[in-house]
Amino acid sequence: FFAPRKYFLGSYYDTYNFNISFIW
């Protein structure tokens, strides 16, 4: 929890952008 970045398919993404995309 509160990780600054999220890993997905070989790349890191900013947590805010990744989390909002996951909600959609």
PDBML (XML) file of the C-alpha atoms, coordinates in Angstrom:
<?xml version="1.0" encoding="UTF-8" ?>
<PDBx:datablock datablockName="MODEL"
   xmlns:PDBx="http://pdbml.pdb.org/schema/pdbx-v50.xsd"
   xmlns:xsi="http://www.w3.org/2001/XMLSchema-instance"
   xsi:schemaLocation="http://pdbml.pdb.org/schema/pdbx-v50.xsd pdbx-v50.xsd">
   <PDBx:atom_siteCategory>
      <PDBx:atom_site id="1">
         <PDBx:B_iso_or_equiv>0.00</PDBx:B_iso_or_equiv>
         <PDBx:Cartn_x>0.000</PDBx:Cartn_x>
         <PDBx:Cartn_y>0.000</PDBx:Cartn_y>
         <PDBx:Cartn_z>0.000</PDBx:Cartn_z>
         <PDBx:auth_asym_id>A</PDBx:auth_asym_id>
         <PDBx:auth_atom_id>CA</PDBx:auth_atom_id>
         <PDBx:auth_comp_id>PHE</PDBx:auth_comp_id>
         <PDBx:auth_seq_id>1</PDBx:auth_seq_id>
         <PDBx:group_PDB>ATOM</PDBx:group_PDB>
         <PDBx:label_alt_id xsi:nil="true" />
         <PDBx:label_asym_id>A</PDBx:label_asym_id>
         <PDBx:label_atom_id>CA</PDBx:label_atom_id>
         <PDBx:label_comp_id>PHE</PDBx:label_comp_id>
         <PDBx:label_entity_id>1</PDBx:label_entity_id>
         <PDBx:label_seq_id>1</PDBx:label_seq_id>
         <PDBx:occupancy>1.00</PDBx:occupancy>
         <PDBx:pdbx_PDB_model_num>1</PDBx:pdbx_PDB_model_num>
         <PDBx:type_symbol>C</PDBx:type_symbol>
      </PDBx:atom_site>
      <PDBx:atom_site id="2">
         <PDBx:B_iso_or_equiv>0.00</PDBx:B_iso_or_equiv>
         <PDBx:Cartn_x>1.137</PDBx:Cartn_x>
         <PDBx:Cartn_y>3.544</PDBx:Cartn_y>
         <PDBx:Cartn_z>-0.890</PDBx:Cartn_z>
         <PDBx:auth_asym_id>A</PDBx:auth_asym_id>
         <PDBx:auth_atom_id>CA</PDBx:auth_atom_id>
         <PDBx:auth_comp_id>PHE</PDBx:auth_comp_id>
         <PDBx:auth_seq_id>2</PDBx:auth_seq_id>
         <PDBx:group_PDB>ATOM</PDBx:group_PDB>
         <PDBx:label_alt_id xsi:nil="true" />
         <PDBx:label_asym_id>A</PDBx:label_asym_id>
         <PDBx:label_atom_id>CA</PDBx:label_atom_id>
         <PDBx:label_comp_id>PHE</PDBx:label_comp_id>
         <PDBx:label_entity_id>1</PDBx:label_entity_id>
         <PDBx:label_seq_id>2</PDBx:label_seq_id>
         <PDBx:occupancy>1.00</PDBx:occupancy>
         <PDBx:pdbx_PDB_model_num>1</PDBx:pdbx_PDB_model_num>
         <PDBx:type_symbol>C</PDBx:type_symbol>
      </PDBx:atom_site>
      <PDBx:atom_site id="3">
         <PDBx:B_iso_or_equiv>0.00</PDBx:B_iso_or_equiv>
         <PDBx:Cartn_x>3.640</PDBx:Cartn_x>
         <PDBx:Cartn_y>2.313</PDBx:Cartn_y>
         <PDBx:Cartn_z>-3.467</PDBx:Cartn_z>
         <PDBx:auth_asym_id>A</PDBx:auth_asym_id>
         <PDBx:auth_atom_id>CA</PDBx:auth_atom_id>
         <PDBx:auth_comp_id>ALA</PDBx:auth_comp_id>
         <PDBx:auth_seq_id>3</PDBx:auth_seq_id>
         <PDBx:group_PDB>ATOM</PDBx:group_PDB>
         <PDBx:label_alt_id xsi:nil="true" />
         <PDBx:label_asym_id>A</PDBx:label_asym_id>
         <PDBx:label_atom_id>CA</PDBx:label_atom_id>
         <PDBx:label_comp_id>ALA</PDBx:label_comp_id>
         <PDBx:label_entity_id>1</PDBx:label_entity_id>
         <PDBx:label_seq_id>3</PDBx:label_seq_id>
         <PDBx:occupancy>1.00</PDBx:occupancy>
         <PDBx:pdbx_PDB_model_num>1</PDBx:pdbx_PDB_model_num>
         <PDBx:type_symbol>C</PDBx:type_symbol>
      </PDBx:atom_site>
      <PDBx:atom_site id="4">
         <PDBx:B_iso_or_equiv>0.00</PDBx:B_iso_or_equiv>
         <PDBx:Cartn_x>4.838</PDBx:Cartn_x>
         <PDBx:Cartn_y>5.260</PDBx:Cartn_y>
         <PDBx:Cartn_z>-5.609</PDBx:Cartn_z>
         <PDBx:auth_asym_id>A</PDBx:auth_asym_id>
         <PDBx:auth_atom_id>CA</PDBx:auth_atom_id>
         <PDBx:auth_comp_id>PRO</PDBx:auth_comp_id>
         <PDBx:auth_seq_id>4</PDBx:auth_seq_id>
         <PDBx:group_PDB>ATOM</PDBx:group_PDB>
         <PDBx:label_alt_id xsi:nil="true" />
         <PDBx:label_asym_id>A</PDBx:label_asym_id>
         <PDBx:label_atom_id>CA</PDBx:label_atom_id>
         <PDBx:label_comp_id>PRO</PDBx:label_comp_id>
         <PDBx:label_entity_id>1</PDBx:label_entity_id>
         <PDBx:label_seq_id>4</PDBx:label_seq_id>
         <PDBx:occupancy>1.00</PDBx:occupancy>
         <PDBx:pdbx_PDB_model_num>1</PDBx:pdbx_PDB_model_num>
         <PDBx:type_symbol>C</PDBx:type_symbol>
      </PDBx:atom_site>
      <PDBx:atom_site id="5">
         <PDBx:B_iso_or_equiv>0.00</PDBx:B_iso_or_equiv>
         <PDBx:Cartn_x>4.706</PDBx:Cartn_x>
         <PDBx:Cartn_y>3.218</PDBx:Cartn_y>
         <PDBx:Cartn_z>-8.819</PDBx:Cartn_z>
         <PDBx:auth_asym_id>A</PDBx:auth_asym_id>
         <PDBx:auth_atom_id>CA</PDBx:auth_atom_id>
         <PDBx:auth_comp_id>ARG</PDBx:auth_comp_id>
         <PDBx:auth_seq_id>5</PDBx:auth_seq_id>
         <PDBx:group_PDB>ATOM</PDBx:group_PDB>
         <PDBx:label_alt_id xsi:nil="true" />
         <PDBx:label_asym_id>A</PDBx:label_asym_id>
         <PDBx:label_atom_id>CA</PDBx:label_atom_id>
         <PDBx:label_comp_id>ARG</PDBx:label_comp_id>
         <PDBx:label_entity_id>1</PDBx:label_entity_id>
         <PDBx:label_seq_id>5</PDBx:label_seq_id>
         <PDBx:occupancy>1.00</PDBx:occupancy>
         <PDBx:pdbx_PDB_model_num>1</PDBx:pdbx_PDB_model_num>
         <PDBx:type_symbol>C</PDBx:type_symbol>
      </PDBx:atom_site>
      <PDBx:atom_site id="6">
         <PDBx:B_iso_or_equiv>0.00</PDBx:B_iso_or_equiv>
         <PDBx:Cartn_x>2.931</PDBx:Cartn_x>
         <PDBx:Cartn_y>0.076</PDBx:Cartn_y>
         <PDBx:Cartn_z>-10.057</PDBx:Cartn_z>
         <PDBx:auth_asym_id>A</PDBx:auth_asym_id>
         <PDBx:auth_atom_id>CA</PDBx:auth_atom_id>
         <PDBx:auth_comp_id>LYS</PDBx:auth_comp_id>
         <PDBx:auth_seq_id>6</PDBx:auth_seq_id>
         <PDBx:group_PDB>ATOM</PDBx:group_PDB>
         <PDBx:label_alt_id xsi:nil="true" />
         <PDBx:label_asym_id>A</PDBx:label_asym_id>
         <PDBx:label_atom_id>CA</PDBx:label_atom_id>
         <PDBx:label_comp_id>LYS</PDBx:label_comp_id>
         <PDBx:label_entity_id>1</PDBx:label_entity_id>
         <PDBx:label_seq_id>6</PDBx:label_seq_id>
         <PDBx:occupancy>1.00</PDBx:occupancy>
         <PDBx:pdbx_PDB_model_num>1</PDBx:pdbx_PDB_model_num>
         <PDBx:type_symbol>C</PDBx:type_symbol>
      </PDBx:atom_site>
      <PDBx:atom_site id="7">
         <PDBx:B_iso_or_equiv>0.00</PDBx:B_iso_or_equiv>
         <PDBx:Cartn_x>4.465</PDBx:Cartn_x>
         <PDBx:Cartn_y>-2.645</PDBx:Cartn_y>
         <PDBx:Cartn_z>-12.203</PDBx:Cartn_z>
         <PDBx:auth_asym_id>A</PDBx:auth_asym_id>
         <PDBx:auth_atom_id>CA</PDBx:auth_atom_id>
         <PDBx:auth_comp_id>TYR</PDBx:auth_comp_id>
         <PDBx:auth_seq_id>7</PDBx:auth_seq_id>
         <PDBx:group_PDB>ATOM</PDBx:group_PDB>
         <PDBx:label_alt_id xsi:nil="true" />
         <PDBx:label_asym_id>A</PDBx:label_asym_id>
         <PDBx:label_atom_id>CA</PDBx:label_atom_id>
         <PDBx:label_comp_id>TYR</PDBx:label_comp_id>
         <PDBx:label_entity_id>1</PDBx:label_entity_id>
         <PDBx:label_seq_id>7</PDBx:label_seq_id>
         <PDBx:occupancy>1.00</PDBx:occupancy>
         <PDBx:pdbx_PDB_model_num>1</PDBx:pdbx_PDB_model_num>
         <PDBx:type_symbol>C</PDBx:type_symbol>
      </PDBx:atom_site>
      <PDBx:atom_site id="8">
         <PDBx:B_iso_or_equiv>0.00</PDBx:B_iso_or_equiv>
         <PDBx:Cartn_x>2.557</PDBx:Cartn_x>
         <PDBx:Cartn_y>-3.988</PDBx:Cartn_y>
         <PDBx:Cartn_z>-15.211</PDBx:Cartn_z>
         <PDBx:auth_asym_id>A</PDBx:auth_asym_id>
         <PDBx:auth_atom_id>CA</PDBx:auth_atom_id>
         <PDBx:auth_comp_id>PHE</PDBx:auth_comp_id>
         <PDBx:auth_seq_id>8</PDBx:auth_seq_id>
         <PDBx:group_PDB>ATOM</PDBx:group_PDB>
         <PDBx:label_alt_id xsi:nil="true" />
         <PDBx:label_asym_id>A</PDBx:label_asym_id>
         <PDBx:label_atom_id>CA</PDBx:label_atom_id>
         <PDBx:label_comp_id>PHE</PDBx:label_comp_id>
         <PDBx:label_entity_id>1</PDBx:label_entity_id>
         <PDBx:label_seq_id>8</PDBx:label_seq_id>
         <PDBx:occupancy>1.00</PDBx:occupancy>
         <PDBx:pdbx_PDB_model_num>1</PDBx:pdbx_PDB_model_num>
         <PDBx:type_symbol>C</PDBx:type_symbol>
      </PDBx:atom_site>
      <PDBx:atom_site id="9">
         <PDBx:B_iso_or_equiv>0.00</PDBx:B_iso_or_equiv>
         <PDBx:Cartn_x>3.774</PDBx:Cartn_x>
         <PDBx:Cartn_y>-6.048</PDBx:Cartn_y>
         <PDBx:Cartn_z>-18.176</PDBx:Cartn_z>
         <PDBx:auth_asym_id>A</PDBx:auth_asym_id>
         <PDBx:auth_atom_id>CA</PDBx:auth_atom_id>
         <PDBx:auth_comp_id>LEU</PDBx:auth_comp_id>
         <PDBx:auth_seq_id>9</PDBx:auth_seq_id>
         <PDBx:group_PDB>ATOM</PDBx:group_PDB>
         <PDBx:label_alt_id xsi:nil="true" />
         <PDBx:label_asym_id>A</PDBx:label_asym_id>
         <PDBx:label_atom_id>CA</PDBx:label_atom_id>
         <PDBx:label_comp_id>LEU</PDBx:label_comp_id>
         <PDBx:label_entity_id>1</PDBx:label_entity_id>
         <PDBx:label_seq_id>9</PDBx:label_seq_id>
         <PDBx:occupancy>1.00</PDBx:occupancy>
         <PDBx:pdbx_PDB_model_num>1</PDBx:pdbx_PDB_model_num>
         <PDBx:type_symbol>C</PDBx:type_symbol>
      </PDBx:atom_site>
      <PDBx:atom_site id="10">
         <PDBx:B_iso_or_equiv>0.00</PDBx:B_iso_or_equiv>
         <PDBx:Cartn_x>7.430</PDBx:Cartn_x>
         <PDBx:Cartn_y>-5.116</PDBx:Cartn_y>
         <PDBx:Cartn_z>-17.852</PDBx:Cartn_z>
         <PDBx:auth_asym_id>A</PDBx:auth_asym_id>
         <PDBx:auth_atom_id>CA</PDBx:auth_atom_id>
         <PDBx:auth_comp_id>GLY</PDBx:auth_comp_id>
         <PDBx:auth_seq_id>10</PDBx:auth_seq_id>
         <PDBx:group_PDB>ATOM</PDBx:group_PDB>
         <PDBx:label_alt_id xsi:nil="true" />
         <PDBx:label_asym_id>A</PDBx:label_asym_id>
         <PDBx:label_atom_id>CA</PDBx:label_atom_id>
         <PDBx:label_comp_id>GLY</PDBx:label_comp_id>
         <PDBx:label_entity_id>1</PDBx:label_entity_id>
         <PDBx:label_seq_id>10</PDBx:label_seq_id>
         <PDBx:occupancy>1.00</PDBx:occupancy>
         <PDBx:pdbx_PDB_model_num>1</PDBx:pdbx_PDB_model_num>
         <PDBx:type_symbol>C</PDBx:type_symbol>
      </PDBx:atom_site>
      <PDBx:atom_site id="11">
         <PDBx:B_iso_or_equiv>0.00</PDBx:B_iso_or_equiv>
         <PDBx:Cartn_x>7.071</PDBx:Cartn_x>
         <PDBx:Cartn_y>-1.400</PDBx:Cartn_y>
         <PDBx:Cartn_z>-17.062</PDBx:Cartn_z>
         <PDBx:auth_asym_id>A</PDBx:auth_asym_id>
         <PDBx:auth_atom_id>CA</PDBx:auth_atom_id>
         <PDBx:auth_comp_id>SER</PDBx:auth_comp_id>
         <PDBx:auth_seq_id>11</PDBx:auth_seq_id>
         <PDBx:group_PDB>ATOM</PDBx:group_PDB>
         <PDBx:label_alt_id xsi:nil="true" />
         <PDBx:label_asym_id>A</PDBx:label_asym_id>
         <PDBx:label_atom_id>CA</PDBx:label_atom_id>
         <PDBx:label_comp_id>SER</PDBx:label_comp_id>
         <PDBx:label_entity_id>1</PDBx:label_entity_id>
         <PDBx:label_seq_id>11</PDBx:label_seq_id>
         <PDBx:occupancy>1.00</PDBx:occupancy>
         <PDBx:pdbx_PDB_model_num>1</PDBx:pdbx_PDB_model_num>
         <PDBx:type_symbol>C</PDBx:type_symbol>
      </PDBx:atom_site>
      <PDBx:atom_site id="12">
         <PDBx:B_iso_or_equiv>0.00</PDBx:B_iso_or_equiv>
         <PDBx:Cartn_x>6.446</PDBx:Cartn_x>
         <PDBx:Cartn_y>0.856</PDBx:Cartn_y>
         <PDBx:Cartn_z>-14.087</PDBx:Cartn_z>
         <PDBx:auth_asym_id>A</PDBx:auth_asym_id>
         <PDBx:auth_atom_id>CA</PDBx:auth_atom_id>
         <PDBx:auth_comp_id>TYR</PDBx:auth_comp_id>
         <PDBx:auth_seq_id>12</PDBx:auth_seq_id>
         <PDBx:group_PDB>ATOM</PDBx:group_PDB>
         <PDBx:label_alt_id xsi:nil="true" />
         <PDBx:label_asym_id>A</PDBx:label_asym_id>
         <PDBx:label_atom_id>CA</PDBx:label_atom_id>
         <PDBx:label_comp_id>TYR</PDBx:label_comp_id>
         <PDBx:label_entity_id>1</PDBx:label_entity_id>
         <PDBx:label_seq_id>12</PDBx:label_seq_id>
         <PDBx:occupancy>1.00</PDBx:occupancy>
         <PDBx:pdbx_PDB_model_num>1</PDBx:pdbx_PDB_model_num>
         <PDBx:type_symbol>C</PDBx:type_symbol>
      </PDBx:atom_site>
      <PDBx:atom_site id="13">
         <PDBx:B_iso_or_equiv>0.00</PDBx:B_iso_or_equiv>
         <PDBx:Cartn_x>3.563</PDBx:Cartn_x>
         <PDBx:Cartn_y>3.358</PDBx:Cartn_y>
         <PDBx:Cartn_z>-14.055</PDBx:Cartn_z>
         <PDBx:auth_asym_id>A</PDBx:auth_asym_id>
         <PDBx:auth_atom_id>CA</PDBx:auth_atom_id>
         <PDBx:auth_comp_id>TYR</PDBx:auth_comp_id>
         <PDBx:auth_seq_id>13</PDBx:auth_seq_id>
         <PDBx:group_PDB>ATOM</PDBx:group_PDB>
         <PDBx:label_alt_id xsi:nil="true" />
         <PDBx:label_asym_id>A</PDBx:label_asym_id>
         <PDBx:label_atom_id>CA</PDBx:label_atom_id>
         <PDBx:label_comp_id>TYR</PDBx:label_comp_id>
         <PDBx:label_entity_id>1</PDBx:label_entity_id>
         <PDBx:label_seq_id>13</PDBx:label_seq_id>
         <PDBx:occupancy>1.00</PDBx:occupancy>
         <PDBx:pdbx_PDB_model_num>1</PDBx:pdbx_PDB_model_num>
         <PDBx:type_symbol>C</PDBx:type_symbol>
      </PDBx:atom_site>
      <PDBx:atom_site id="14">
         <PDBx:B_iso_or_equiv>0.00</PDBx:B_iso_or_equiv>
         <PDBx:Cartn_x>2.753</PDBx:Cartn_x>
         <PDBx:Cartn_y>6.242</PDBx:Cartn_y>
         <PDBx:Cartn_z>-11.752</PDBx:Cartn_z>
         <PDBx:auth_asym_id>A</PDBx:auth_asym_id>
         <PDBx:auth_atom_id>CA</PDBx:auth_atom_id>
         <PDBx:auth_comp_id>ASP</PDBx:auth_comp_id>
         <PDBx:auth_seq_id>14</PDBx:auth_seq_id>
         <PDBx:group_PDB>ATOM</PDBx:group_PDB>
         <PDBx:label_alt_id xsi:nil="true" />
         <PDBx:label_asym_id>A</PDBx:label_asym_id>
         <PDBx:label_atom_id>CA</PDBx:label_atom_id>
         <PDBx:label_comp_id>ASP</PDBx:label_comp_id>
         <PDBx:label_entity_id>1</PDBx:label_entity_id>
         <PDBx:label_seq_id>14</PDBx:label_seq_id>
         <PDBx:occupancy>1.00</PDBx:occupancy>
         <PDBx:pdbx_PDB_model_num>1</PDBx:pdbx_PDB_model_num>
         <PDBx:type_symbol>C</PDBx:type_symbol>
      </PDBx:atom_site>
      <PDBx:atom_site id="15">
         <PDBx:B_iso_or_equiv>0.00</PDBx:B_iso_or_equiv>
         <PDBx:Cartn_x>0.438</PDBx:Cartn_x>
         <PDBx:Cartn_y>5.033</PDBx:Cartn_y>
         <PDBx:Cartn_z>-8.987</PDBx:Cartn_z>
         <PDBx:auth_asym_id>A</PDBx:auth_asym_id>
         <PDBx:auth_atom_id>CA</PDBx:auth_atom_id>
         <PDBx:auth_comp_id>THR</PDBx:auth_comp_id>
         <PDBx:auth_seq_id>15</PDBx:auth_seq_id>
         <PDBx:group_PDB>ATOM</PDBx:group_PDB>
         <PDBx:label_alt_id xsi:nil="true" />
         <PDBx:label_asym_id>A</PDBx:label_asym_id>
         <PDBx:label_atom_id>CA</PDBx:label_atom_id>
         <PDBx:label_comp_id>THR</PDBx:label_comp_id>
         <PDBx:label_entity_id>1</PDBx:label_entity_id>
         <PDBx:label_seq_id>15</PDBx:label_seq_id>
         <PDBx:occupancy>1.00</PDBx:occupancy>
         <PDBx:pdbx_PDB_model_num>1</PDBx:pdbx_PDB_model_num>
         <PDBx:type_symbol>C</PDBx:type_symbol>
      </PDBx:atom_site>
      <PDBx:atom_site id="16">
         <PDBx:B_iso_or_equiv>0.00</PDBx:B_iso_or_equiv>
         <PDBx:Cartn_x>-2.214</PDBx:Cartn_x>
         <PDBx:Cartn_y>7.710</PDBx:Cartn_y>
         <PDBx:Cartn_z>-9.509</PDBx:Cartn_z>
         <PDBx:auth_asym_id>A</PDBx:auth_asym_id>
         <PDBx:auth_atom_id>CA</PDBx:auth_atom_id>
         <PDBx:auth_comp_id>TYR</PDBx:auth_comp_id>
         <PDBx:auth_seq_id>16</PDBx:auth_seq_id>
         <PDBx:group_PDB>ATOM</PDBx:group_PDB>
         <PDBx:label_alt_id xsi:nil="true" />
         <PDBx:label_asym_id>A</PDBx:label_asym_id>
         <PDBx:label_atom_id>CA</PDBx:label_atom_id>
         <PDBx:label_comp_id>TYR</PDBx:label_comp_id>
         <PDBx:label_entity_id>1</PDBx:label_entity_id>
         <PDBx:label_seq_id>16</PDBx:label_seq_id>
         <PDBx:occupancy>1.00</PDBx:occupancy>
         <PDBx:pdbx_PDB_model_num>1</PDBx:pdbx_PDB_model_num>
         <PDBx:type_symbol>C</PDBx:type_symbol>
      </PDBx:atom_site>
      <PDBx:atom_site id="17">
         <PDBx:B_iso_or_equiv>0.00</PDBx:B_iso_or_equiv>
         <PDBx:Cartn_x>-2.544</PDBx:Cartn_x>
         <PDBx:Cartn_y>7.058</PDBx:Cartn_y>
         <PDBx:Cartn_z>-13.254</PDBx:Cartn_z>
         <PDBx:auth_asym_id>A</PDBx:auth_asym_id>
         <PDBx:auth_atom_id>CA</PDBx:auth_atom_id>
         <PDBx:auth_comp_id>ASN</PDBx:auth_comp_id>
         <PDBx:auth_seq_id>17</PDBx:auth_seq_id>
         <PDBx:group_PDB>ATOM</PDBx:group_PDB>
         <PDBx:label_alt_id xsi:nil="true" />
         <PDBx:label_asym_id>A</PDBx:label_asym_id>
         <PDBx:label_atom_id>CA</PDBx:label_atom_id>
         <PDBx:label_comp_id>ASN</PDBx:label_comp_id>
         <PDBx:label_entity_id>1</PDBx:label_entity_id>
         <PDBx:label_seq_id>17</PDBx:label_seq_id>
         <PDBx:occupancy>1.00</PDBx:occupancy>
         <PDBx:pdbx_PDB_model_num>1</PDBx:pdbx_PDB_model_num>
         <PDBx:type_symbol>C</PDBx:type_symbol>
      </PDBx:atom_site>
      <PDBx:atom_site id="18">
         <PDBx:B_iso_or_equiv>0.00</PDBx:B_iso_or_equiv>
         <PDBx:Cartn_x>-2.449</PDBx:Cartn_x>
         <PDBx:Cartn_y>3.281</PDBx:Cartn_y>
         <PDBx:Cartn_z>-12.840</PDBx:Cartn_z>
         <PDBx:auth_asym_id>A</PDBx:auth_asym_id>
         <PDBx:auth_atom_id>CA</PDBx:auth_atom_id>
         <PDBx:auth_comp_id>PHE</PDBx:auth_comp_id>
         <PDBx:auth_seq_id>18</PDBx:auth_seq_id>
         <PDBx:group_PDB>ATOM</PDBx:group_PDB>
         <PDBx:label_alt_id xsi:nil="true" />
         <PDBx:label_asym_id>A</PDBx:label_asym_id>
         <PDBx:label_atom_id>CA</PDBx:label_atom_id>
         <PDBx:label_comp_id>PHE</PDBx:label_comp_id>
         <PDBx:label_entity_id>1</PDBx:label_entity_id>
         <PDBx:label_seq_id>18</PDBx:label_seq_id>
         <PDBx:occupancy>1.00</PDBx:occupancy>
         <PDBx:pdbx_PDB_model_num>1</PDBx:pdbx_PDB_model_num>
         <PDBx:type_symbol>C</PDBx:type_symbol>
      </PDBx:atom_site>
      <PDBx:atom_site id="19">
         <PDBx:B_iso_or_equiv>0.00</PDBx:B_iso_or_equiv>
         <PDBx:Cartn_x>-4.996</PDBx:Cartn_x>
         <PDBx:Cartn_y>3.198</PDBx:Cartn_y>
         <PDBx:Cartn_z>-10.017</PDBx:Cartn_z>
         <PDBx:auth_asym_id>A</PDBx:auth_asym_id>
         <PDBx:auth_atom_id>CA</PDBx:auth_atom_id>
         <PDBx:auth_comp_id>ASN</PDBx:auth_comp_id>
         <PDBx:auth_seq_id>19</PDBx:auth_seq_id>
         <PDBx:group_PDB>ATOM</PDBx:group_PDB>
         <PDBx:label_alt_id xsi:nil="true" />
         <PDBx:label_asym_id>A</PDBx:label_asym_id>
         <PDBx:label_atom_id>CA</PDBx:label_atom_id>
         <PDBx:label_comp_id>ASN</PDBx:label_comp_id>
         <PDBx:label_entity_id>1</PDBx:label_entity_id>
         <PDBx:label_seq_id>19</PDBx:label_seq_id>
         <PDBx:occupancy>1.00</PDBx:occupancy>
         <PDBx:pdbx_PDB_model_num>1</PDBx:pdbx_PDB_model_num>
         <PDBx:type_symbol>C</PDBx:type_symbol>
      </PDBx:atom_site>
      <PDBx:atom_site id="20">
         <PDBx:B_iso_or_equiv>0.00</PDBx:B_iso_or_equiv>
         <PDBx:Cartn_x>-7.498</PDBx:Cartn_x>
         <PDBx:Cartn_y>5.461</PDBx:Cartn_y>
         <PDBx:Cartn_z>-11.787</PDBx:Cartn_z>
         <PDBx:auth_asym_id>A</PDBx:auth_asym_id>
         <PDBx:auth_atom_id>CA</PDBx:auth_atom_id>
         <PDBx:auth_comp_id>ILE</PDBx:auth_comp_id>
         <PDBx:auth_seq_id>20</PDBx:auth_seq_id>
         <PDBx:group_PDB>ATOM</PDBx:group_PDB>
         <PDBx:label_alt_id xsi:nil="true" />
         <PDBx:label_asym_id>A</PDBx:label_asym_id>
         <PDBx:label_atom_id>CA</PDBx:label_atom_id>
         <PDBx:label_comp_id>ILE</PDBx:label_comp_id>
         <PDBx:label_entity_id>1</PDBx:label_entity_id>
         <PDBx:label_seq_id>20</PDBx:label_seq_id>
         <PDBx:occupancy>1.00</PDBx:occupancy>
         <PDBx:pdbx_PDB_model_num>1</PDBx:pdbx_PDB_model_num>
         <PDBx:type_symbol>C</PDBx:type_symbol>
      </PDBx:atom_site>
      <PDBx:atom_site id="21">
         <PDBx:B_iso_or_equiv>0.00</PDBx:B_iso_or_equiv>
         <PDBx:Cartn_x>-7.147</PDBx:Cartn_x>
         <PDBx:Cartn_y>3.329</PDBx:Cartn_y>
         <PDBx:Cartn_z>-14.938</PDBx:Cartn_z>
         <PDBx:auth_asym_id>A</PDBx:auth_asym_id>
         <PDBx:auth_atom_id>CA</PDBx:auth_atom_id>
         <PDBx:auth_comp_id>SER</PDBx:auth_comp_id>
         <PDBx:auth_seq_id>21</PDBx:auth_seq_id>
         <PDBx:group_PDB>ATOM</PDBx:group_PDB>
         <PDBx:label_alt_id xsi:nil="true" />
         <PDBx:label_asym_id>A</PDBx:label_asym_id>
         <PDBx:label_atom_id>CA</PDBx:label_atom_id>
         <PDBx:label_comp_id>SER</PDBx:label_comp_id>
         <PDBx:label_entity_id>1</PDBx:label_entity_id>
         <PDBx:label_seq_id>21</PDBx:label_seq_id>
         <PDBx:occupancy>1.00</PDBx:occupancy>
         <PDBx:pdbx_PDB_model_num>1</PDBx:pdbx_PDB_model_num>
         <PDBx:type_symbol>C</PDBx:type_symbol>
      </PDBx:atom_site>
      <PDBx:atom_site id="22">
         <PDBx:B_iso_or_equiv>0.00</PDBx:B_iso_or_equiv>
         <PDBx:Cartn_x>-7.763</PDBx:Cartn_x>
         <PDBx:Cartn_y>0.191</PDBx:Cartn_y>
         <PDBx:Cartn_z>-12.895</PDBx:Cartn_z>
         <PDBx:auth_asym_id>A</PDBx:auth_asym_id>
         <PDBx:auth_atom_id>CA</PDBx:auth_atom_id>
         <PDBx:auth_comp_id>PHE</PDBx:auth_comp_id>
         <PDBx:auth_seq_id>22</PDBx:auth_seq_id>
         <PDBx:group_PDB>ATOM</PDBx:group_PDB>
         <PDBx:label_alt_id xsi:nil="true" />
         <PDBx:label_asym_id>A</PDBx:label_asym_id>
         <PDBx:label_atom_id>CA</PDBx:label_atom_id>
         <PDBx:label_comp_id>PHE</PDBx:label_comp_id>
         <PDBx:label_entity_id>1</PDBx:label_entity_id>
         <PDBx:label_seq_id>22</PDBx:label_seq_id>
         <PDBx:occupancy>1.00</PDBx:occupancy>
         <PDBx:pdbx_PDB_model_num>1</PDBx:pdbx_PDB_model_num>
         <PDBx:type_symbol>C</PDBx:type_symbol>
      </PDBx:atom_site>
      <PDBx:atom_site id="23">
         <PDBx:B_iso_or_equiv>0.00</PDBx:B_iso_or_equiv>
         <PDBx:Cartn_x>-10.980</PDBx:Cartn_x>
         <PDBx:Cartn_y>1.675</PDBx:Cartn_y>
         <PDBx:Cartn_z>-11.467</PDBx:Cartn_z>
         <PDBx:auth_asym_id>A</PDBx:auth_asym_id>
         <PDBx:auth_atom_id>CA</PDBx:auth_atom_id>
         <PDBx:auth_comp_id>ILE</PDBx:auth_comp_id>
         <PDBx:auth_seq_id>23</PDBx:auth_seq_id>
         <PDBx:group_PDB>ATOM</PDBx:group_PDB>
         <PDBx:label_alt_id xsi:nil="true" />
         <PDBx:label_asym_id>A</PDBx:label_asym_id>
         <PDBx:label_atom_id>CA</PDBx:label_atom_id>
         <PDBx:label_comp_id>ILE</PDBx:label_comp_id>
         <PDBx:label_entity_id>1</PDBx:label_entity_id>
         <PDBx:label_seq_id>23</PDBx:label_seq_id>
         <PDBx:occupancy>1.00</PDBx:occupancy>
         <PDBx:pdbx_PDB_model_num>1</PDBx:pdbx_PDB_model_num>
         <PDBx:type_symbol>C</PDBx:type_symbol>
      </PDBx:atom_site>
      <PDBx:atom_site id="24">
         <PDBx:B_iso_or_equiv>0.00</PDBx:B_iso_or_equiv>
         <PDBx:Cartn_x>-12.220</PDBx:Cartn_x>
         <PDBx:Cartn_y>2.197</PDBx:Cartn_y>
         <PDBx:Cartn_z>-15.040</PDBx:Cartn_z>
         <PDBx:auth_asym_id>A</PDBx:auth_asym_id>
         <PDBx:auth_atom_id>CA</PDBx:auth_atom_id>
         <PDBx:auth_comp_id>TRP</PDBx:auth_comp_id>
         <PDBx:auth_seq_id>24</PDBx:auth_seq_id>
         <PDBx:group_PDB>ATOM</PDBx:group_PDB>
         <PDBx:label_alt_id xsi:nil="true" />
         <PDBx:label_asym_id>A</PDBx:label_asym_id>
         <PDBx:label_atom_id>CA</PDBx:label_atom_id>
         <PDBx:label_comp_id>TRP</PDBx:label_comp_id>
         <PDBx:label_entity_id>1</PDBx:label_entity_id>
         <PDBx:label_seq_id>24</PDBx:label_seq_id>
         <PDBx:occupancy>1.00</PDBx:occupancy>
         <PDBx:pdbx_PDB_model_num>1</PDBx:pdbx_PDB_model_num>
         <PDBx:type_symbol>C</PDBx:type_symbol>
      </PDBx:atom_site>
   </PDBx:atom_siteCategory>
</PDBx:datablock>
